[in-house]
C-alpha atoms as a PDB file:
ATOM      1  CA  MET A   1       9.982   1.267 -19.190  1.00  0.00           C
ATOM      2  CA  ASN A   2       8.806  -1.652 -21.589  1.00  0.00           C
ATOM      3  CA  PRO A   3       5.804  -4.001 -21.534  1.00  0.00           C
ATOM      4  CA  GLY A   4       6.610  -6.904 -19.421  1.00  0.00           C
ATOM      5  CA  ASP A   5       9.065  -5.128 -17.340  1.00  0.00           C
ATOM      6  CA  GLN A   6       9.136  -6.120 -13.714  1.00  0.00           C
ATOM      7  CA  LEU A   7       9.877  -3.024 -11.420  1.00  0.00           C
ATOM      8  CA  GLU A   8      11.843  -3.116  -8.527  1.00  0.00           C
ATOM      9  CA  THR A   9      10.118  -4.432  -5.377  1.00  0.00           C
ATOM     10  CA  HIS A  10       9.803  -1.698  -2.460  1.00  0.00           C
ATOM     11  CA  SER A  11       9.466  -2.492   1.124  1.00  0.00           C
ATOM     12  CA  PHE A  12       8.090  -0.746   3.846  1.00  0.00           C
ATOM     13  CA  GLN A  13       8.220  -1.510   7.465  1.00  0.00           C
ATOM     14  CA  VAL A  14       4.760  -0.454   8.952  1.00  0.00           C
ATOM     15  CA  THR A  15       4.556   0.069  12.805  1.00  0.00           C
ATOM     16  CA  ARG A  16       1.861   1.139  15.397  1.00  0.00           C
ATOM     17  CA  ALA A  17       3.491   4.534  15.554  1.00  0.00           C
ATOM     18  CA  ASP A  18       3.159   4.837  11.621  1.00  0.00           C
ATOM     19  CA  LEU A  19      -0.659   4.100  12.191  1.00  0.00           C
ATOM     20  CA  VAL A  20      -0.843   6.805  15.142  1.00  0.00           C
ATOM     21  CA  ARG A  21       0.659   9.448  12.660  1.00  0.00           C
ATOM     22  CA  TYR A  22      -1.417   8.373   9.727  1.00  0.00           C
ATOM     23  CA  ALA A  23      -4.624   8.761  11.929  1.00  0.00           C
ATOM     24  CA  GLY A  24      -3.537  12.462  12.958  1.00  0.00           C
ATOM     25  CA  ALA A  25      -2.727  13.313   9.364  1.00  0.00           C
ATOM     26  CA  SER A  26      -6.065  11.975   7.795  1.00  0.00           C
ATOM     27  CA  GLY A  27      -8.470  12.507  10.816  1.00  0.00           C
ATOM     28  CA  ASP A  28      -9.423   8.677  11.014  1.00  0.00           C
ATOM     29  CA  PHE A  29      -9.359   7.654  14.492  1.00  0.00           C
ATOM     30  CA  ASN A  30     -11.187   4.585  14.143  1.00  0.00           C
ATOM     31  CA  PRO A  31     -10.038   2.454  17.438  1.00  0.00           C
ATOM     32  CA  ILE A  32      -9.396  -0.730  14.934  1.00  0.00           C
ATOM     33  CA  HIS A  33      -6.339   1.180  13.887  1.00  0.00           C
ATOM     34  CA  TRP A  34      -4.997   1.333  17.301  1.00  0.00           C
ATOM     35  CA  SER A  35      -6.743  -0.901  20.139  1.00  0.00           C
ATOM     36  CA  ASP A  36      -6.386  -4.622  20.164  1.00  0.00           C
ATOM     37  CA  ARG A  37      -9.568  -4.823  21.989  1.00  0.00           C
ATOM     38  CA  VAL A  38     -11.645  -3.015  19.690  1.00  0.00           C
ATOM     39  CA  ALA A  39     -10.105  -4.813  16.817  1.00  0.00           C
ATOM     40  CA  SER A  40     -10.680  -8.339  18.228  1.00  0.00           C
ATOM     41  CA  SER A  41     -14.261  -7.411  19.384  1.00  0.00           C
ATOM     42  CA  VAL A  42     -15.174  -6.692  15.541  1.00  0.00           C
ATOM     43  CA  GLY A  43     -13.500  -9.904  14.350  1.00  0.00           C
ATOM     44  CA  LEU A  44     -10.221  -8.931  13.344  1.00  0.00           C
ATOM     45  CA  PRO A  45      -7.057 -10.835  14.113  1.00  0.00           C
ATOM     46  CA  GLY A  46      -5.689  -7.499  15.658  1.00  0.00           C
ATOM     47  CA  VAL A  47      -4.935  -3.777  15.016  1.00  0.00           C
ATOM     48  CA  VAL A  48      -5.045  -3.273  11.260  1.00  0.00           C
ATOM     49  CA  ALA A  49      -3.416  -0.830   8.878  1.00  0.00           C
ATOM     50  CA  HIS A  50      -5.814   1.972   7.315  1.00  0.00           C
ATOM     51  CA  GLY A  51      -6.437   0.875   3.897  1.00  0.00           C
ATOM     52  CA  MET A  52      -5.718   4.218   2.473  1.00  0.00           C
ATOM     53  CA  PHE A  53      -2.404   3.920   4.289  1.00  0.00           C
ATOM     54  CA  THR A  54      -1.534   0.626   2.457  1.00  0.00           C
ATOM     55  CA  MET A  55      -2.456   2.300  -0.861  1.00  0.00           C
ATOM     56  CA  ALA A  56      -0.347   5.364  -0.029  1.00  0.00           C
ATOM     57  CA  LEU A  57       2.716   2.918   0.165  1.00  0.00           C
ATOM     58  CA  ALA A  58       1.829   1.717  -3.640  1.00  0.00           C
ATOM     59  CA  ALA A  59       1.744   5.451  -4.432  1.00  0.00           C
ATOM     60  CA  ARG A  60       5.272   5.830  -2.911  1.00  0.00           C
ATOM     61  CA  ALA A  61       6.530   3.106  -5.060  1.00  0.00           C
ATOM     62  CA  LEU A  62       5.097   4.565  -7.958  1.00  0.00           C
ATOM     63  CA  ASP A  63       6.663   7.820  -7.485  1.00  0.00           C
ATOM     64  CA  ALA A  64       9.990   5.934  -7.102  1.00  0.00           C
ATOM     65  CA  TRP A  65       9.485   4.166 -10.265  1.00  0.00           C
ATOM     66  CA  ALA A  66       8.463   7.307 -12.145  1.00  0.00           C
ATOM     67  CA  GLY A  67      11.598   9.043 -10.790  1.00  0.00           C
ATOM     68  CA  ARG A  68      10.030  11.822  -8.914  1.00  0.00           C
ATOM     69  CA  PRO A  69       6.373  12.698  -7.239  1.00  0.00           C
ATOM     70  CA  GLY A  70       3.545  14.185  -9.327  1.00  0.00           C
ATOM     71  CA  LYS A  71       3.703  11.542 -12.249  1.00  0.00           C
ATOM     72  CA  VAL A  72       0.825   9.238 -10.764  1.00  0.00           C
ATOM     73  CA  ARG A  73      -2.230   9.975 -12.949  1.00  0.00           C
ATOM     74  CA  GLU A  74      -4.503   7.137 -11.628  1.00  0.00           C
ATOM     75  CA  LEU A  75      -4.210   4.659  -8.834  1.00  0.00           C
ATOM     76  CA  GLY A  76      -7.036   2.088  -7.958  1.00  0.00           C
ATOM     77  CA  CYS A  77      -7.481  -1.156  -6.044  1.00  0.00           C
ATOM     78  CA  LYS A  78      -9.694  -3.124  -3.995  1.00  0.00           C
ATOM     79  CA  PHE A  79      -9.010  -3.619  -0.243  1.00  0.00           C
ATOM     80  CA  THR A  80      -8.873  -7.264  -0.095  1.00  0.00           C
ATOM     81  CA  ARG A  81      -7.121  -8.299   3.156  1.00  0.00           C
ATOM     82  CA  PRO A  82      -6.036  -6.231   6.237  1.00  0.00           C
ATOM     83  CA  VAL A  83      -2.477  -5.450   7.261  1.00  0.00           C
ATOM     84  CA  VAL A  84      -2.391  -6.569  10.934  1.00  0.00           C
ATOM     85  CA  VAL A  85       0.359  -4.481  12.728  1.00  0.00           C
ATOM     86  CA  PRO A  86       1.883  -6.059  15.701  1.00  0.00           C
ATOM     87  CA  ASP A  87       2.366  -4.144  19.146  1.00  0.00           C
ATOM     88  CA  ASP A  88       6.108  -4.290  19.018  1.00  0.00           C
ATOM     89  CA  ASP A  89       9.197  -2.489  17.726  1.00  0.00           C
ATOM     90  CA  ASP A  90       9.383  -4.293  14.344  1.00  0.00           C
ATOM     91  CA  GLY A  91       5.951  -4.086  13.106  1.00  0.00           C
ATOM     92  CA  VAL A  92       5.073  -5.736   9.714  1.00  0.00           C
ATOM     93  CA  ARG A  93       6.458  -5.388   6.254  1.00  0.00           C
ATOM     94  CA  VAL A  94       4.403  -4.581   3.014  1.00  0.00           C
ATOM     95  CA  GLU A  95       6.027  -5.000  -0.074  1.00  0.00           C
ATOM     96  CA  VAL A  96       4.974  -3.407  -3.393  1.00  0.00           C
ATOM     97  CA  ALA A  97       5.981  -4.950  -6.805  1.00  0.00           C
ATOM     98  CA  GLY A  98       5.018  -3.732 -10.267  1.00  0.00           C
ATOM     99  CA  THR A  99       4.506  -5.117 -13.885  1.00  0.00           C
ATOM    100  CA  VAL A 100       4.645  -2.516 -16.880  1.00  0.00           C
ATOM    101  CA  GLN A 101       1.495  -3.530 -18.684  1.00  0.00           C
ATOM    102  CA  ASP A 102       1.243  -0.848 -21.652  1.00  0.00           C
ATOM    103  CA  VAL A 103       3.395   2.002 -22.751  1.00  0.00           C
ATOM    104  CA  THR A 104       1.785   4.570 -24.858  1.00  0.00           C
ATOM    105  CA  GLY A 105       2.939   8.080 -25.841  1.00  0.00           C
ATOM    106  CA  ASP A 106       2.401   9.762 -22.732  1.00  0.00           C
ATOM    107  CA  SER A 107       1.662   7.208 -20.174  1.00  0.00           C
ATOM    108  CA  VAL A 108       2.597   3.795 -18.846  1.00  0.00           C
ATOM    109  CA  ARG A 109       0.047   1.417 -17.258  1.00  0.00           C
ATOM    110  CA  ILE A 110       1.273  -0.792 -14.274  1.00  0.00           C
ATOM    111  CA  THR A 111      -0.150  -3.630 -12.403  1.00  0.00           C
ATOM    112  CA  LEU A 112       0.641  -3.693  -8.806  1.00  0.00           C
ATOM    113  CA  GLN A 113       1.229  -6.763  -6.478  1.00  0.00           C
ATOM    114  CA  VAL A 114       1.014  -5.566  -2.768  1.00  0.00           C
ATOM    115  CA  THR A 115       1.659  -8.002  -0.177  1.00  0.00           C
ATOM    116  CA  CYS A 116       2.154  -8.607   3.548  1.00  0.00           C
ATOM    117  CA  GLY A 117       3.715 -11.739   4.236  1.00  0.00           C
ATOM    118  CA  GLN A 118       2.853 -13.942   1.392  1.00  0.00           C
ATOM    119  CA  GLU A 119      -0.714 -12.780   1.143  1.00  0.00           C
ATOM    120  CA  SER A 120      -2.034 -10.013  -1.349  1.00  0.00           C
ATOM    121  CA  VAL A 121      -3.517  -7.126   0.633  1.00  0.00           C
ATOM    122  CA  LEU A 122      -4.772  -5.003  -2.387  1.00  0.00           C
ATOM    123  CA  GLY A 123      -6.736  -6.459  -5.072  1.00  0.00           C
ATOM    124  CA  ALA A 124      -6.955  -5.422  -8.814  1.00  0.00           C
ATOM    125  CA  ALA A 125      -4.306  -2.628  -8.183  1.00  0.00           C
ATOM    126  CA  LYS A 126      -3.203  -0.853 -11.081  1.00  0.00           C
ATOM    127  CA  ALA A 127      -1.811   2.552 -12.040  1.00  0.00           C
ATOM    128  CA  VAL A 128      -1.089   5.045 -14.783  1.00  0.00           C
ATOM    129  CA  LEU A 129       1.917   6.977 -14.737  1.00  0.00           C
ATOM    130  CA  ALA A 130       2.947  10.102 -16.993  1.00  0.00           C
ATOM    131  CA  ARG A 131       6.094   9.589 -19.081  1.00  0.00           C
END
């Protein structure tokens, strides 16, 4: 990896079934992640993915770019826009792209672009990988 490199975009299809599995694994059973009625009652456009689930998709892309799991040293972002997941079999696509910012002796700094549709869903997303 070299500064300025555009890393291969990774696409993830997210369905309501994924949200149910994540809720079980994380213990986050907030009904905005599974109930349209509750999500709309609090002003959301529909059921939304867990923010940490969306961030985990970014971590999966980082693992792929690094060549194996266990090389992510840092990952940070702001949750700027929810990922709305429709109640159908197709769900929604989340895409993770990256740009290498800096390479030092033992680390690679990457800025991430995480989008759903054409909208950014994670702001100020950045990571450090071990080389």
